[in-house]
């Protein structure tokens, strides 16, 4: 028998299980975002020193990096 105090969302054991699940999902999503960032690397070649994205070839920062940074 559990002595955990009930809450509107379940007892403390339920909340702990939900919390662990959310933390695991957050870690997975952060790892996914990092893999995308790793693909879209900043490059500055030899002259004329135009900065671009290694993955998509767009001017730096590319649209993907801008979105990941909270922009457009």
PDB file of N, CA and C in Angstrom:
ATOM      1  N   UNK A   1       0.840  -1.176   0.000  1.00  0.00           N
ATOM      2  CA  UNK A   1       0.000   0.000   0.000  1.00  0.00           C
ATOM      3  C   UNK A   1       0.885   1.238   0.000  1.00  0.00           C
ATOM      4  N   UNK A   2       0.592   2.166  -0.875  1.00  0.00           N
ATOM      5  CA  UNK A   2       1.379   3.385  -0.988  1.00  0.00           C
ATOM      6  C   UNK A   2       0.848   4.437  -0.039  1.00  0.00           C
ATOM      7  N   UNK A   3       1.775   5.101   0.635  1.00  0.00           N
ATOM      8  CA  UNK A   3       1.393   6.191   1.528  1.00  0.00           C
ATOM      9  C   UNK A   3       1.600   7.542   0.860  1.00  0.00           C
ATOM     10  N   UNK A   4       1.877   7.543  -0.447  1.00  0.00           N
ATOM     11  CA  UNK A   4       2.111   8.789  -1.186  1.00  0.00           C
ATOM     12  C   UNK A   4       0.843   9.623  -1.204  1.00  0.00           C
ATOM     13  N   UNK A   5       1.009  10.899  -0.956  1.00  0.00           N
ATOM     14  CA  UNK A   5      -0.120  11.818  -0.920  1.00  0.00           C
ATOM     15  C   UNK A   5      -0.618  12.086  -2.341  1.00  0.00           C
ATOM     16  N   UNK A   6      -1.931  11.912  -2.569  1.00  0.00           N
ATOM     17  CA  UNK A   6      -2.471  12.173  -3.905  1.00  0.00           C
ATOM     18  C   UNK A   6      -2.417  13.666  -4.253  1.00  0.00           C
ATOM     19  N   UNK A   7      -2.267  13.944  -5.526  1.00  0.00           N
ATOM     20  CA  UNK A   7      -2.321  15.311  -6.039  1.00  0.00           C
ATOM     21  C   UNK A   7      -3.333  15.306  -7.180  1.00  0.00           C
ATOM     22  N   UNK A   8      -3.681  16.481  -7.735  1.00  0.00           N
ATOM     23  CA  UNK A   8      -4.598  16.487  -8.878  1.00  0.00           C
ATOM     24  C   UNK A   8      -4.038  15.713 -10.080  1.00  0.00           C
ATOM     25  N   UNK A   9      -2.734  15.452 -10.098  1.00  0.00           N
ATOM     26  CA  UNK A   9      -2.092  14.774 -11.218  1.00  0.00           C
ATOM     27  C   UNK A   9      -1.697  13.346 -10.872  1.00  0.00           C
ATOM     28  N   UNK A  10      -2.092  12.855  -9.737  1.00  0.00           N
ATOM     29  CA  UNK A  10      -1.713  11.519  -9.294  1.00  0.00           C
ATOM     30  C   UNK A  10      -0.895  11.627  -8.021  1.00  0.00           C
ATOM     31  N   UNK A  11      -0.381  10.505  -7.548  1.00  0.00           N
ATOM     32  CA  UNK A  11       0.424  10.556  -6.333  1.00  0.00           C
ATOM     33  C   UNK A  11       1.876  10.890  -6.674  1.00  0.00           C
ATOM     34  N   UNK A  12       2.683  11.013  -5.668  1.00  0.00           N
ATOM     35  CA  UNK A  12       4.079  11.408  -5.859  1.00  0.00           C
ATOM     36  C   UNK A  12       4.837  10.405  -6.731  1.00  0.00           C
ATOM     37  N   UNK A  13       4.519   9.139  -6.610  1.00  0.00           N
ATOM     38  CA  UNK A  13       5.182   8.129  -7.436  1.00  0.00           C
ATOM     39  C   UNK A  13       4.824   8.316  -8.908  1.00  0.00           C
ATOM     40  N   UNK A  14       3.550   8.631  -9.183  1.00  0.00           N
ATOM     41  CA  UNK A  14       3.124   8.902 -10.558  1.00  0.00           C
ATOM     42  C   UNK A  14       3.862  10.111 -11.115  1.00  0.00           C
ATOM     43  N   UNK A  15       3.953  11.159 -10.314  1.00  0.00           N
ATOM     44  CA  UNK A  15       4.630  12.376 -10.753  1.00  0.00           C
ATOM     45  C   UNK A  15       6.109  12.132 -11.009  1.00  0.00           C
ATOM     46  N   UNK A  16       6.735  11.322 -10.175  1.00  0.00           N
ATOM     47  CA  UNK A  16       8.152  11.002 -10.372  1.00  0.00           C
ATOM     48  C   UNK A  16       8.343  10.244 -11.682  1.00  0.00           C
ATOM     49  N   UNK A  17       7.436   9.318 -11.994  1.00  0.00           N
ATOM     50  CA  UNK A  17       7.531   8.559 -13.239  1.00  0.00           C
ATOM     51  C   UNK A  17       7.332   9.490 -14.438  1.00  0.00           C
ATOM     52  N   UNK A  18       6.350  10.387 -14.349  1.00  0.00           N
ATOM     53  CA  UNK A  18       6.115  11.352 -15.419  1.00  0.00           C
ATOM     54  C   UNK A  18       7.330  12.246 -15.590  1.00  0.00           C
ATOM     55  N   UNK A  19       7.910  12.701 -14.491  1.00  0.00           N
ATOM     56  CA  UNK A  19       9.087  13.567 -14.534  1.00  0.00           C
ATOM     57  C   UNK A  19      10.250  12.856 -15.211  1.00  0.00           C
ATOM     58  N   UNK A  20      10.515  11.615 -14.864  1.00  0.00           N
ATOM     59  CA  UNK A  20      11.596  10.854 -15.501  1.00  0.00           C
ATOM     60  C   UNK A  20      11.358  10.724 -16.996  1.00  0.00           C
ATOM     61  N   UNK A  21      10.112  10.490 -17.377  1.00  0.00           N
ATOM     62  CA  UNK A  21       9.772  10.366 -18.786  1.00  0.00           C
ATOM     63  C   UNK A  21       9.997  11.683 -19.523  1.00  0.00           C
ATOM     64  N   UNK A  22       9.589  12.781 -18.915  1.00  0.00           N
ATOM     65  CA  UNK A  22       9.778  14.093 -19.539  1.00  0.00           C
ATOM     66  C   UNK A  22      11.257  14.448 -19.660  1.00  0.00           C
ATOM     67  N   UNK A  23      12.034  14.136 -18.652  1.00  0.00           N
ATOM     68  CA  UNK A  23      13.472  14.409 -18.694  1.00  0.00           C
ATOM     69  C   UNK A  23      14.120  13.580 -19.799  1.00  0.00           C
ATOM     70  N   UNK A  24      13.730  12.329 -19.933  1.00  0.00           N
ATOM     71  CA  UNK A  24      14.282  11.476 -20.992  1.00  0.00           C
ATOM     72  C   UNK A  24      13.920  12.034 -22.366  1.00  0.00           C
ATOM     73  N   UNK A  25      12.679  12.478 -22.535  1.00  0.00           N
ATOM     74  CA  UNK A  25      12.251  13.044 -23.816  1.00  0.00           C
ATOM     75  C   UNK A  25      13.021  14.328 -24.118  1.00  0.00           C
ATOM     76  N   UNK A  26      13.211  15.183 -23.116  1.00  0.00           N
ATOM     77  CA  UNK A  26      13.961  16.424 -23.294  1.00  0.00           C
ATOM     78  C   UNK A  26      15.403  16.135 -23.716  1.00  0.00           C
ATOM     79  N   UNK A  27      16.033  15.167 -23.096  1.00  0.00           N
ATOM     80  CA  UNK A  27      17.402  14.800 -23.468  1.00  0.00           C
ATOM     81  C   UNK A  27      17.467  14.305 -24.912  1.00  0.00           C
ATOM     82  N   UNK A  28      16.474  13.513 -25.301  1.00  0.00           N
ATOM     83  CA  UNK A  28      16.427  12.997 -26.671  1.00  0.00           C
ATOM     84  C   UNK A  28      16.264  14.152 -27.666  1.00  0.00           C
ATOM     85  N   UNK A  29      15.384  15.087 -27.355  1.00  0.00           N
ATOM     86  CA  UNK A  29      15.159  16.224 -28.253  1.00  0.00           C
ATOM     87  C   UNK A  29      16.379  17.135 -28.332  1.00  0.00           C
ATOM     88  N   UNK A  30      17.049  17.352 -27.208  1.00  0.00           N
ATOM     89  CA  UNK A  30      18.277  18.160 -27.223  1.00  0.00           C
ATOM     90  C   UNK A  30      19.352  17.493 -28.079  1.00  0.00           C
ATOM     91  N   UNK A  31      19.463  16.173 -27.981  1.00  0.00           N
ATOM     92  CA  UNK A  31      20.451  15.450 -28.781  1.00  0.00           C
ATOM     93  C   UNK A  31      20.128  15.565 -30.268  1.00  0.00           C
ATOM     94  N   UNK A  32      18.848  15.513 -30.612  1.00  0.00           N
ATOM     95  CA  UNK A  32      18.440  15.671 -32.008  1.00  0.00           C
ATOM     96  C   UNK A  32      18.804  17.057 -32.526  1.00  0.00           C
ATOM     97  N   UNK A  33      18.513  18.073 -31.736  1.00  0.00           N
ATOM     98  CA  UNK A  33      18.850  19.446 -32.122  1.00  0.00           C
ATOM     99  C   UNK A  33      20.351  19.591 -32.303  1.00  0.00           C
ATOM    100  N   UNK A  34      21.133  19.001 -31.418  1.00  0.00           N
ATOM    101  CA  UNK A  34      22.585  19.091 -31.531  1.00  0.00           C
ATOM    102  C   UNK A  34      23.092  18.413 -32.792  1.00  0.00           C
ATOM    103  N   UNK A  35      22.494  17.278 -33.167  1.00  0.00           N
ATOM    104  CA  UNK A  35      22.898  16.602 -34.405  1.00  0.00           C
ATOM    105  C   UNK A  35      22.629  17.492 -35.614  1.00  0.00           C
ATOM    106  N   UNK A  36      21.498  18.197 -35.617  1.00  0.00           N
ATOM    107  CA  UNK A  36      21.193  19.118 -36.718  1.00  0.00           C
ATOM    108  C   UNK A  36      22.198  20.258 -36.728  1.00  0.00           C
ATOM    109  N   UNK A  37      22.495  20.823 -35.550  1.00  0.00           N
ATOM    110  CA  UNK A  37      23.490  21.901 -35.463  1.00  0.00           C
ATOM    111  C   UNK A  37      24.849  21.444 -35.981  1.00  0.00           C
ATOM    112  N   UNK A  38      25.218  20.217 -35.642  1.00  0.00           N
ATOM    113  CA  UNK A  38      26.513  19.691 -36.075  1.00  0.00           C
ATOM    114  C   UNK A  38      26.595  19.584 -37.594  1.00  0.00           C
ATOM    115  N   UNK A  39      25.472  19.301 -38.241  1.00  0.00           N
ATOM    116  CA  UNK A  39      25.448  19.246 -39.709  1.00  0.00           C
ATOM    117  C   UNK A  39      25.652  20.633 -40.313  1.00  0.00           C
ATOM    118  N   UNK A  40      25.049  21.628 -39.714  1.00  0.00           N
ATOM    119  CA  UNK A  40      25.054  22.987 -40.256  1.00  0.00           C
ATOM    120  C   UNK A  40      26.183  23.786 -39.596  1.00  0.00           C
ATOM    121  N   UNK A  41      27.400  23.505 -40.024  1.00  0.00           N
ATOM    122  CA  UNK A  41      28.579  24.139 -39.446  1.00  0.00           C
ATOM    123  C   UNK A  41      28.936  25.413 -40.199  1.00  0.00           C
ATOM    124  N   UNK A  42      29.485  26.322 -39.466  1.00  0.00           N
ATOM    125  CA  UNK A  42      29.944  27.597 -40.015  1.00  0.00           C
ATOM    126  C   UNK A  42      31.284  27.395 -40.707  1.00  0.00           C
ATOM    127  N   UNK A  43      31.401  27.911 -41.913  1.00  0.00           N
ATOM    128  CA  UNK A  43      32.666  27.833 -42.644  1.00  0.00           C
ATOM    129  C   UNK A  43      33.026  29.199 -43.203  1.00  0.00           C
ATOM    130  N   UNK A  44      34.295  29.523 -43.164  1.00  0.00           N
ATOM    131  CA  UNK A  44      34.809  30.747 -43.780  1.00  0.00           C
ATOM    132  C   UNK A  44      36.008  30.339 -44.637  1.00  0.00           C
ATOM    133  N   UNK A  45      35.778  30.165 -45.930  1.00  0.00           N
ATOM    134  CA  UNK A  45      36.852  29.690 -46.802  1.00  0.00           C
ATOM    135  C   UNK A  45      37.896  30.765 -47.060  1.00  0.00           C
ATOM    136  N   UNK A  46      38.844  30.422 -47.891  1.00  0.00           N
ATOM    137  CA  UNK A  46      39.867  31.385 -48.300  1.00  0.00           C
ATOM    138  C   UNK A  46      39.194  32.515 -49.075  1.00  0.00           C
ATOM    139  N   UNK A  47      39.932  33.545 -49.410  1.00  0.00           N
ATOM    140  CA  UNK A  47      39.324  34.709 -50.060  1.00  0.00           C
ATOM    141  C   UNK A  47      38.329  34.293 -51.139  1.00  0.00           C
ATOM    142  N   UNK A  48      37.203  34.947 -51.193  1.00  0.00           N
ATOM    143  CA  UNK A  48      36.842  36.249 -50.638  1.00  0.00           C
ATOM    144  C   UNK A  48      36.233  36.207 -49.245  1.00  0.00           C
ATOM    145  N   UNK A  49      36.444  35.150 -48.483  1.00  0.00           N
ATOM    146  CA  UNK A  49      35.992  35.058 -47.094  1.00  0.00           C
ATOM    147  C   UNK A  49      34.483  35.171 -46.942  1.00  0.00           C
ATOM    148  N   UNK A  50      33.759  34.536 -47.821  1.00  0.00           N
ATOM    149  CA  UNK A  50      32.305  34.505 -47.705  1.00  0.00           C
ATOM    150  C   UNK A  50      31.947  33.392 -46.723  1.00  0.00           C
ATOM    151  N   UNK A  51      31.240  33.745 -45.662  1.00  0.00           N
ATOM    152  CA  UNK A  51      30.864  32.759 -44.661  1.00  0.00           C
ATOM    153  C   UNK A  51      29.628  32.003 -45.143  1.00  0.00           C
ATOM    154  N   UNK A  52      29.656  30.670 -44.975  1.00  0.00           N
ATOM    155  CA  UNK A  52      28.544  29.857 -45.444  1.00  0.00           C
ATOM    156  C   UNK A  52      28.362  28.637 -44.549  1.00  0.00           C
ATOM    157  N   UNK A  53      27.243  27.957 -44.760  1.00  0.00           N
ATOM    158  CA  UNK A  53      26.931  26.727 -44.034  1.00  0.00           C
ATOM    159  C   UNK A  53      27.526  25.550 -44.793  1.00  0.00           C
ATOM    160  N   UNK A  54      28.283  24.737 -44.105  1.00  0.00           N
ATOM    161  CA  UNK A  54      28.926  23.568 -44.723  1.00  0.00           C
ATOM    162  C   UNK A  54      27.897  22.589 -45.286  1.00  0.00           C
ATOM    163  N   UNK A  55      26.768  22.416 -44.633  1.00  0.00           N
ATOM    164  CA  UNK A  55      25.786  21.408 -45.044  1.00  0.00           C
ATOM    165  C   UNK A  55      24.932  21.847 -46.226  1.00  0.00           C
ATOM    166  N   UNK A  56      24.359  23.052 -46.134  1.00  0.00           N
ATOM    167  CA  UNK A  56      23.410  23.456 -47.178  1.00  0.00           C
ATOM    168  C   UNK A  56      23.985  24.479 -48.150  1.00  0.00           C
ATOM    169  N   UNK A  57      25.146  25.033 -47.851  1.00  0.00           N
ATOM    170  CA  UNK A  57      25.799  25.966 -48.756  1.00  0.00           C
ATOM    171  C   UNK A  57      25.249  27.381 -48.730  1.00  0.00           C
ATOM    172  N   UNK A  58      24.263  27.636 -47.878  1.00  0.00           N
ATOM    173  CA  UNK A  58      23.663  28.968 -47.788  1.00  0.00           C
ATOM    174  C   UNK A  58      24.586  29.918 -47.024  1.00  0.00           C
ATOM    175  N   UNK A  59      24.352  31.214 -47.227  1.00  0.00           N
ATOM    176  CA  UNK A  59      25.097  32.208 -46.445  1.00  0.00           C
ATOM    177  C   UNK A  59      24.887  31.940 -44.963  1.00  0.00           C
ATOM    178  N   UNK A  60      25.933  32.266 -44.199  1.00  0.00           N
ATOM    179  CA  UNK A  60      25.882  32.038 -42.748  1.00  0.00           C
ATOM    180  C   UNK A  60      25.280  33.227 -42.047  1.00  0.00           C
ATOM    181  N   UNK A  61      24.412  33.031 -41.054  1.00  0.00           N
ATOM    182  CA  UNK A  61      23.851  31.754 -40.632  1.00  0.00           C
ATOM    183  C   UNK A  61      22.740  31.321 -41.571  1.00  0.00           C
ATOM    184  N   UNK A  62      22.679  30.028 -41.839  1.00  0.00           N
ATOM    185  CA  UNK A  62      21.650  29.509 -42.739  1.00  0.00           C
ATOM    186  C   UNK A  62      20.298  29.526 -42.018  1.00  0.00           C
ATOM    187  N   UNK A  63      19.240  29.289 -42.765  1.00  0.00           N
ATOM    188  CA  UNK A  63      17.899  29.339 -42.202  1.00  0.00           C
ATOM    189  C   UNK A  63      17.718  28.322 -41.076  1.00  0.00           C
ATOM    190  N   UNK A  64      18.306  27.146 -41.217  1.00  0.00           N
ATOM    191  CA  UNK A  64      18.178  26.121 -40.183  1.00  0.00           C
ATOM    192  C   UNK A  64      18.752  26.613 -38.858  1.00  0.00           C
ATOM    193  N   UNK A  65      19.937  27.204 -38.894  1.00  0.00           N
ATOM    194  CA  UNK A  65      20.565  27.707 -37.668  1.00  0.00           C
ATOM    195  C   UNK A  65      19.746  28.860 -37.094  1.00  0.00           C
ATOM    196  N   UNK A  66      19.233  29.725 -37.951  1.00  0.00           N
ATOM    197  CA  UNK A  66      18.405  30.840 -37.470  1.00  0.00           C
ATOM    198  C   UNK A  66      17.158  30.325 -36.750  1.00  0.00           C
ATOM    199  N   UNK A  67      16.527  29.282 -37.302  1.00  0.00           N
ATOM    200  CA  UNK A  67      15.342  28.714 -36.660  1.00  0.00           C
ATOM    201  C   UNK A  67      15.721  28.089 -35.320  1.00  0.00           C
ATOM    202  N   UNK A  68      16.819  27.337 -35.272  1.00  0.00           N
ATOM    203  CA  UNK A  68      17.256  26.730 -34.021  1.00  0.00           C
ATOM    204  C   UNK A  68      17.580  27.775 -32.968  1.00  0.00           C
ATOM    205  N   UNK A  69      18.030  28.941 -33.404  1.00  0.00           N
ATOM    206  CA  UNK A  69      18.349  30.033 -32.480  1.00  0.00           C
ATOM    207  C   UNK A  69      17.124  30.854 -32.098  1.00  0.00           C
ATOM    208  N   UNK A  70      15.949  30.451 -32.601  1.00  0.00           N
ATOM    209  CA  UNK A  70      14.718  31.144 -32.229  1.00  0.00           C
ATOM    210  C   UNK A  70      14.312  32.248 -33.177  1.00  0.00           C
ATOM    211  N   UNK A  71      14.981  32.356 -34.305  1.00  0.00           N
ATOM    212  CA  UNK A  71      14.637  33.374 -35.282  1.00  0.00           C
ATOM    213  C   UNK A  71      13.593  32.893 -36.250  1.00  0.00           C
ATOM    214  N   UNK A  72      13.652  33.425 -37.459  1.00  0.00           N
ATOM    215  CA  UNK A  72      12.652  33.109 -38.491  1.00  0.00           C
ATOM    216  C   UNK A  72      12.588  31.660 -38.868  1.00  0.00           C
TER     217      UNK A  72
END
